[in-house]
Amino acid sequence: MIAVTGANGQLGRLVLAHLADITDQPIRALVRTPAKAKELESDRISVVRADYNDPTSLPDALNGVSRLLLISGAEVGNRTAQHAAVLSAAKDAGVSFIVYTSLLNTPASSLVLAEEHKDTERLLTESGIEHVILRNGWYLENFEGKIAAALEHGAVVGASGEGMFSAAARNDYAEAAARVLAGEDLSTRILELGGQPGFSLAALAAELSGQAGRTIPYQNLGDQDYAGVLKTAGLPEGFAKALADADRGAAEGELFNPSTQLEDLLNRKTKPLAEFIAETLAELKSSAA
């Protein structure tokens, strides 16, 4: 049996859909609150409670599971302990293969968001369980708010300088995870995944300008100033600092990797930036109508 943690999240739901298309194995959706995930159930997919913060929920959830996708938790600061609990329960349950969603360039990364990924990668190695680490780059969807703000204020604002992002659509990463999880290669390995070609925020601003029909420049700030802008826009202080820190890391090349391993897994190109911007503009126009 295949199981997916965080299955009711945006990435988890997409993974489930791809798994249902590519494998005949039974699939178990592990969620914090099953009552909120009833629509995930089907003749192929069962929904079971598995709460990262409640280790007592994990043994039953993982009973009979052979392959597990561990989607990294969303509670920054608590993720190492959460992931450790899942890995411990997985080992006790006899799970033989684990796929983990990590962060691009984790070992060399100075990003605040990378620290708990480093911890989890180490825990995976120490577990002795065969595993694949998917070091995912930035999601294209991370730029949706930036595009909306740029249209309103007339500039794309960030702190990444000329740094490049190897970004791909959430659905691209989800399909890749499903293919690795259900695939024939169950050996331990690490994959650096990101969309190609990479792009800078200046390039994003140029593409947005062309599609919007007006000039929208890129305005580069220091990371502390950018964090202040995000906080003023209503983001919680911790989240604002983490996003600004990610831009700082991007400026230093930490969110770019020339690897084509994501396209190789998908056997196709990842979603282009231009297509993503066109879709985002259409959605913004529709929501404003």
Protein backbone atom coordinates (compact mmCIF):
# COMPACT_ATOMS: atom_id res chain seq x y z
CA MET A 1 0.00 0.00 0.00
CA ILE A 2 1.06 3.57 -0.77
CA ALA A 3 0.45 6.36 1.76
CA VAL A 4 0.72 10.13 1.44
CA THR A 5 1.04 12.43 4.45
CA GLY A 6 -0.49 15.90 4.36
CA ALA A 7 -2.82 14.49 1.72
CA ASN A 8 -5.46 17.18 2.20
CA GLY A 9 -3.01 19.97 1.33
CA GLN A 10 -2.55 21.57 -2.06
CA LEU A 11 0.40 19.36 -3.02
CA GLY A 12 -1.02 16.22 -1.42
CA ARG A 13 -4.30 16.40 -3.32
CA LEU A 14 -2.45 16.69 -6.63
CA VAL A 15 -0.20 13.74 -5.74
CA LEU A 16 -3.25 11.59 -4.97
CA ALA A 17 -4.78 12.43 -8.35
CA HIS A 18 -1.61 11.44 -10.19
CA LEU A 19 -1.20 8.24 -8.17
CA ALA A 20 -4.74 7.21 -9.02
CA ASP A 21 -3.83 7.55 -12.71
CA ILE A 22 -0.52 5.70 -12.70
CA THR A 23 -0.81 2.84 -10.18
CA ASP A 24 -3.28 0.12 -9.26
CA GLN A 25 -1.97 -0.09 -5.71
CA PRO A 26 -4.32 0.89 -2.87
CA ILE A 27 -3.67 4.44 -1.68
CA ARG A 28 -4.05 5.78 1.85
CA ALA A 29 -4.51 9.52 2.34
CA LEU A 30 -3.10 10.53 5.73
CA VAL A 31 -4.73 13.69 7.05
CA ARG A 32 -5.00 15.57 10.32
CA THR A 33 -8.82 15.79 10.25
CA PRO A 34 -10.54 13.07 8.21
CA ALA A 35 -13.92 14.81 8.48
CA LYS A 36 -12.48 17.63 6.35
CA ALA A 37 -11.20 15.24 3.68
CA LYS A 38 -14.18 13.02 2.95
CA GLU A 39 -14.21 14.02 -0.72
CA LEU A 40 -10.79 12.38 -1.14
CA GLU A 41 -12.26 8.93 -0.52
CA SER A 42 -12.87 6.61 -3.45
CA ASP A 43 -12.75 2.92 -4.25
CA ARG A 44 -8.98 3.37 -4.57
CA ILE A 45 -8.25 5.90 -1.83
CA SER A 46 -8.93 5.55 1.90
CA VAL A 47 -8.67 8.46 4.35
CA VAL A 48 -7.00 7.88 7.72
CA ARG A 49 -6.08 10.22 10.56
CA ALA A 50 -2.37 10.92 10.96
CA ASP A 51 -1.43 14.04 12.89
CA TYR A 52 2.22 15.13 12.87
CA ASN A 53 1.68 16.55 16.36
CA ASP A 54 0.09 13.38 17.75
CA PRO A 55 2.56 10.48 17.49
CA THR A 56 -0.06 8.09 18.89
CA SER A 57 -2.03 8.51 15.65
CA LEU A 58 0.83 7.32 13.46
CA PRO A 59 1.22 3.55 14.12
CA ASP A 60 -2.30 2.67 12.98
CA ALA A 61 -2.07 5.10 10.06
CA LEU A 62 1.09 3.42 8.77
CA ASN A 63 0.09 -0.17 9.44
CA GLY A 64 0.35 -2.15 6.20
CA VAL A 65 2.05 0.69 4.29
CA SER A 66 5.06 -0.24 2.15
CA ARG A 67 5.69 3.08 0.40
CA LEU A 68 5.30 6.49 2.01
CA LEU A 69 5.42 10.04 0.72
CA LEU A 70 6.38 12.35 3.56
CA ILE A 71 5.30 15.84 2.54
CA SER A 72 7.18 18.30 4.70
CA GLY A 73 5.08 19.95 7.38
CA ALA A 74 4.00 23.57 7.22
CA GLU A 75 4.79 24.51 10.84
CA VAL A 76 8.26 26.02 10.51
CA GLY A 77 10.10 25.49 13.79
CA ASN A 78 8.25 22.28 14.59
CA ARG A 79 9.01 20.27 11.47
CA THR A 80 12.08 18.38 12.65
CA ALA A 81 10.20 16.87 15.59
CA GLN A 82 7.16 16.18 13.43
CA HIS A 83 9.16 14.45 10.73
CA ALA A 84 11.14 12.47 13.29
CA ALA A 85 7.88 11.11 14.73
CA VAL A 86 6.70 10.01 11.29
CA LEU A 87 10.00 8.36 10.42
CA SER A 88 10.12 6.52 13.75
CA ALA A 89 6.59 5.22 13.27
CA ALA A 90 7.35 4.28 9.66
CA LYS A 91 10.35 2.23 10.71
CA ASP A 92 8.33 0.44 13.40
CA ALA A 93 5.56 -0.26 10.87
CA GLY A 94 7.96 -1.81 8.37
CA VAL A 95 7.67 0.85 5.69
CA SER A 96 10.34 -0.06 3.14
CA PHE A 97 10.47 3.03 0.92
CA ILE A 98 10.05 6.73 1.74
CA VAL A 99 9.94 9.76 -0.55
CA TYR A 100 10.49 13.15 1.11
CA THR A 101 9.84 16.66 -0.23
CA SER A 102 12.89 18.72 0.66
CA LEU A 103 14.31 22.02 -0.67
CA LEU A 104 16.54 22.73 -3.66
CA ASN A 105 20.28 22.72 -2.89
CA THR A 106 19.64 21.86 0.77
CA PRO A 107 23.19 20.95 1.89
CA ALA A 108 24.68 24.27 0.75
CA SER A 109 21.61 26.37 1.47
CA SER A 110 21.76 29.19 4.01
CA LEU A 111 18.00 29.74 3.89
CA VAL A 112 16.18 29.69 7.22
CA LEU A 113 13.69 27.33 5.58
CA ALA A 114 16.47 24.85 4.78
CA GLU A 115 17.50 24.01 8.34
CA GLU A 116 14.70 21.57 9.14
CA HIS A 117 15.11 19.95 5.72
CA LYS A 118 18.78 19.34 6.58
CA ASP A 119 17.66 17.73 9.84
CA THR A 120 15.12 15.51 8.10
CA GLU A 121 17.53 14.41 5.39
CA ARG A 122 19.93 13.34 8.15
CA LEU A 123 17.15 11.46 9.95
CA LEU A 124 16.28 9.65 6.73
CA THR A 125 19.87 8.52 6.32
CA GLU A 126 19.99 7.35 9.94
CA SER A 127 16.71 5.44 9.56
CA GLY A 128 18.25 2.85 7.26
CA ILE A 129 15.11 2.89 5.11
CA GLU A 130 15.52 3.16 1.36
CA HIS A 131 14.45 6.65 0.37
CA VAL A 132 14.38 9.34 -2.28
CA ILE A 133 14.83 12.99 -1.38
CA LEU A 134 13.03 15.33 -3.76
CA ARG A 135 14.75 18.68 -3.39
CA ASN A 136 12.01 20.85 -4.83
CA GLY A 137 12.67 24.33 -6.12
CA TRP A 138 10.32 27.28 -5.65
CA TYR A 139 6.70 26.87 -6.74
CA LEU A 140 5.51 29.15 -9.53
CA GLU A 141 2.43 29.64 -7.38
CA ASN A 142 4.64 31.43 -4.84
CA PHE A 143 4.66 34.37 -7.27
CA GLU A 144 0.88 34.77 -7.52
CA GLY A 145 0.75 37.34 -4.73
CA LYS A 146 3.74 39.19 -6.18
CA ILE A 147 2.00 39.46 -9.55
CA ALA A 148 -1.23 40.74 -7.99
CA ALA A 149 0.69 43.32 -5.95
CA ALA A 150 2.68 44.39 -9.02
CA LEU A 151 -0.49 45.07 -10.98
CA GLU A 152 -1.83 47.16 -8.11
CA HIS A 153 1.30 49.12 -7.27
CA GLY A 154 3.06 49.24 -10.65
CA ALA A 155 6.25 47.33 -9.76
CA VAL A 156 7.48 43.84 -9.00
CA VAL A 157 9.16 44.15 -5.61
CA GLY A 158 11.68 41.72 -4.16
CA ALA A 159 15.17 41.27 -2.79
CA SER A 160 16.68 38.68 -5.12
CA GLY A 161 18.74 41.02 -7.30
CA GLU A 162 19.79 39.23 -10.46
CA GLY A 163 19.40 35.83 -8.81
CA MET A 164 17.60 33.09 -10.70
CA PHE A 165 14.73 30.86 -9.60
CA SER A 166 14.37 27.27 -10.82
CA ALA A 167 10.63 27.35 -10.29
CA ALA A 168 7.98 24.91 -11.46
CA ALA A 169 4.25 24.52 -11.04
CA ARG A 170 2.97 22.68 -7.97
CA ASN A 171 1.37 20.13 -10.29
CA ASP A 172 4.75 19.39 -11.90
CA TYR A 173 6.27 18.58 -8.51
CA ALA A 174 3.20 16.52 -7.57
CA GLU A 175 3.39 14.40 -10.70
CA ALA A 176 7.11 13.84 -10.17
CA ALA A 177 6.51 12.72 -6.59
CA ALA A 178 3.80 10.29 -7.69
CA ARG A 179 6.03 8.83 -10.38
CA VAL A 180 8.91 8.27 -7.95
CA LEU A 181 6.61 6.84 -5.28
CA ALA A 182 4.94 4.37 -7.63
CA GLY A 183 8.00 3.64 -9.78
CA GLU A 184 10.18 0.58 -10.08
CA ASP A 185 13.40 2.17 -8.78
CA LEU A 186 13.30 1.84 -5.00
CA SER A 187 16.94 2.74 -4.42
CA THR A 188 18.14 5.55 -2.20
CA ARG A 189 18.92 8.69 -4.19
CA ILE A 190 18.63 12.47 -4.22
CA LEU A 191 16.97 14.47 -6.98
CA GLU A 192 17.39 18.22 -7.47
CA LEU A 193 14.12 19.34 -9.03
CA GLY A 194 13.27 22.67 -10.61
CA GLY A 195 11.79 24.20 -13.72
CA GLN A 196 13.97 25.11 -16.67
CA PRO A 197 15.00 27.64 -17.75
CA GLY A 198 15.45 29.62 -14.57
CA PHE A 199 14.34 33.24 -14.42
CA SER A 200 15.05 36.37 -12.39
CA LEU A 201 12.42 38.70 -10.96
CA ALA A 202 13.47 41.23 -13.58
CA ALA A 203 12.60 38.67 -16.25
CA LEU A 204 9.28 38.00 -14.51
CA ALA A 205 8.58 41.75 -14.52
CA ALA A 206 9.41 41.98 -18.22
CA GLU A 207 7.10 39.10 -19.10
CA LEU A 208 4.34 40.53 -16.92
CA SER A 209 4.78 43.93 -18.58
CA GLY A 210 4.37 42.41 -22.03
CA GLN A 211 1.25 40.49 -21.12
CA ALA A 212 -0.32 43.30 -19.10
CA GLY A 213 0.36 45.88 -21.82
CA ARG A 214 2.16 48.36 -19.57
CA THR A 215 5.61 48.79 -18.11
CA ILE A 216 6.00 47.12 -14.73
CA PRO A 217 9.64 47.37 -13.58
CA TYR A 218 11.44 45.27 -11.02
CA GLN A 219 12.33 47.14 -7.82
CA ASN A 220 15.09 45.48 -5.81
CA LEU A 221 15.27 46.08 -2.05
CA GLY A 222 17.46 44.85 0.75
CA ASP A 223 16.04 41.78 2.42
CA GLN A 224 15.18 43.63 5.64
CA ASP A 225 13.38 46.37 3.73
CA TYR A 226 11.54 43.77 1.70
CA ALA A 227 10.47 41.97 4.88
CA GLY A 228 9.08 45.30 6.08
CA VAL A 229 7.09 45.70 2.86
CA LEU A 230 5.63 42.22 3.24
CA LYS A 231 4.74 42.85 6.86
CA THR A 232 3.04 46.12 5.94
CA ALA A 233 1.07 44.21 3.31
CA GLY A 234 -0.36 42.05 6.08
CA LEU A 235 1.90 39.00 6.25
CA PRO A 236 2.84 37.69 9.71
CA GLU A 237 6.29 38.89 10.73
CA GLY A 238 7.87 35.42 10.78
CA PHE A 239 6.52 34.53 7.34
CA ALA A 240 7.55 37.90 5.93
CA LYS A 241 11.11 37.39 7.20
CA ALA A 242 11.24 33.85 5.77
CA LEU A 243 10.15 35.05 2.32
CA ALA A 244 12.62 37.92 2.36
CA ASP A 245 15.34 35.51 3.45
CA ALA A 246 14.44 33.25 0.52
CA ASP A 247 14.92 36.18 -1.85
CA ARG A 248 18.28 36.88 -0.21
CA GLY A 249 19.25 33.28 -0.83
CA ALA A 250 18.03 33.49 -4.43
CA ALA A 251 20.30 36.49 -4.94
CA GLU A 252 23.18 34.22 -3.94
CA GLY A 253 22.13 31.43 -6.31
CA GLU A 254 20.56 29.16 -3.74
CA LEU A 255 17.18 28.73 -5.47
CA PHE A 256 18.66 27.92 -8.87
CA ASN A 257 19.92 24.58 -10.15
CA PRO A 258 20.51 23.69 -13.82
CA SER A 259 19.39 20.09 -13.26
CA THR A 260 16.84 18.70 -15.74
CA GLN A 261 15.87 15.85 -13.42
CA LEU A 262 12.32 17.17 -13.03
CA GLU A 263 11.75 17.21 -16.79
CA ASP A 264 13.38 13.79 -17.02
CA LEU A 265 10.91 12.38 -14.47
CA LEU A 266 7.96 13.95 -16.23
CA ASN A 267 9.22 13.14 -19.72
CA ARG A 268 8.05 16.61 -20.74
CA LYS A 269 8.82 20.27 -20.21
CA THR A 270 7.71 21.97 -17.00
CA LYS A 271 5.14 24.77 -17.17
CA PRO A 272 6.77 27.90 -18.69
CA LEU A 273 6.79 31.19 -16.81
CA ALA A 274 4.85 32.89 -19.62
CA GLU A 275 2.03 30.34 -19.38
CA PHE A 276 1.88 30.70 -15.60
CA ILE A 277 1.65 34.49 -15.84
CA ALA A 278 -1.09 34.25 -18.47
CA GLU A 279 -3.09 31.91 -16.23
CA THR A 280 -2.58 34.14 -13.21
CA LEU A 281 -3.72 37.24 -15.09
CA ALA A 282 -6.81 35.39 -16.30
CA GLU A 283 -7.64 34.27 -12.77
CA LEU A 284 -7.18 37.79 -11.39
CA LYS A 285 -9.40 39.20 -14.12
CA SER A 286 -12.05 36.58 -13.44
CA SER A 287 -12.03 37.18 -9.70
CA ALA A 288 -12.36 40.93 -10.22
CA ALA A 289 -15.32 40.57 -12.58
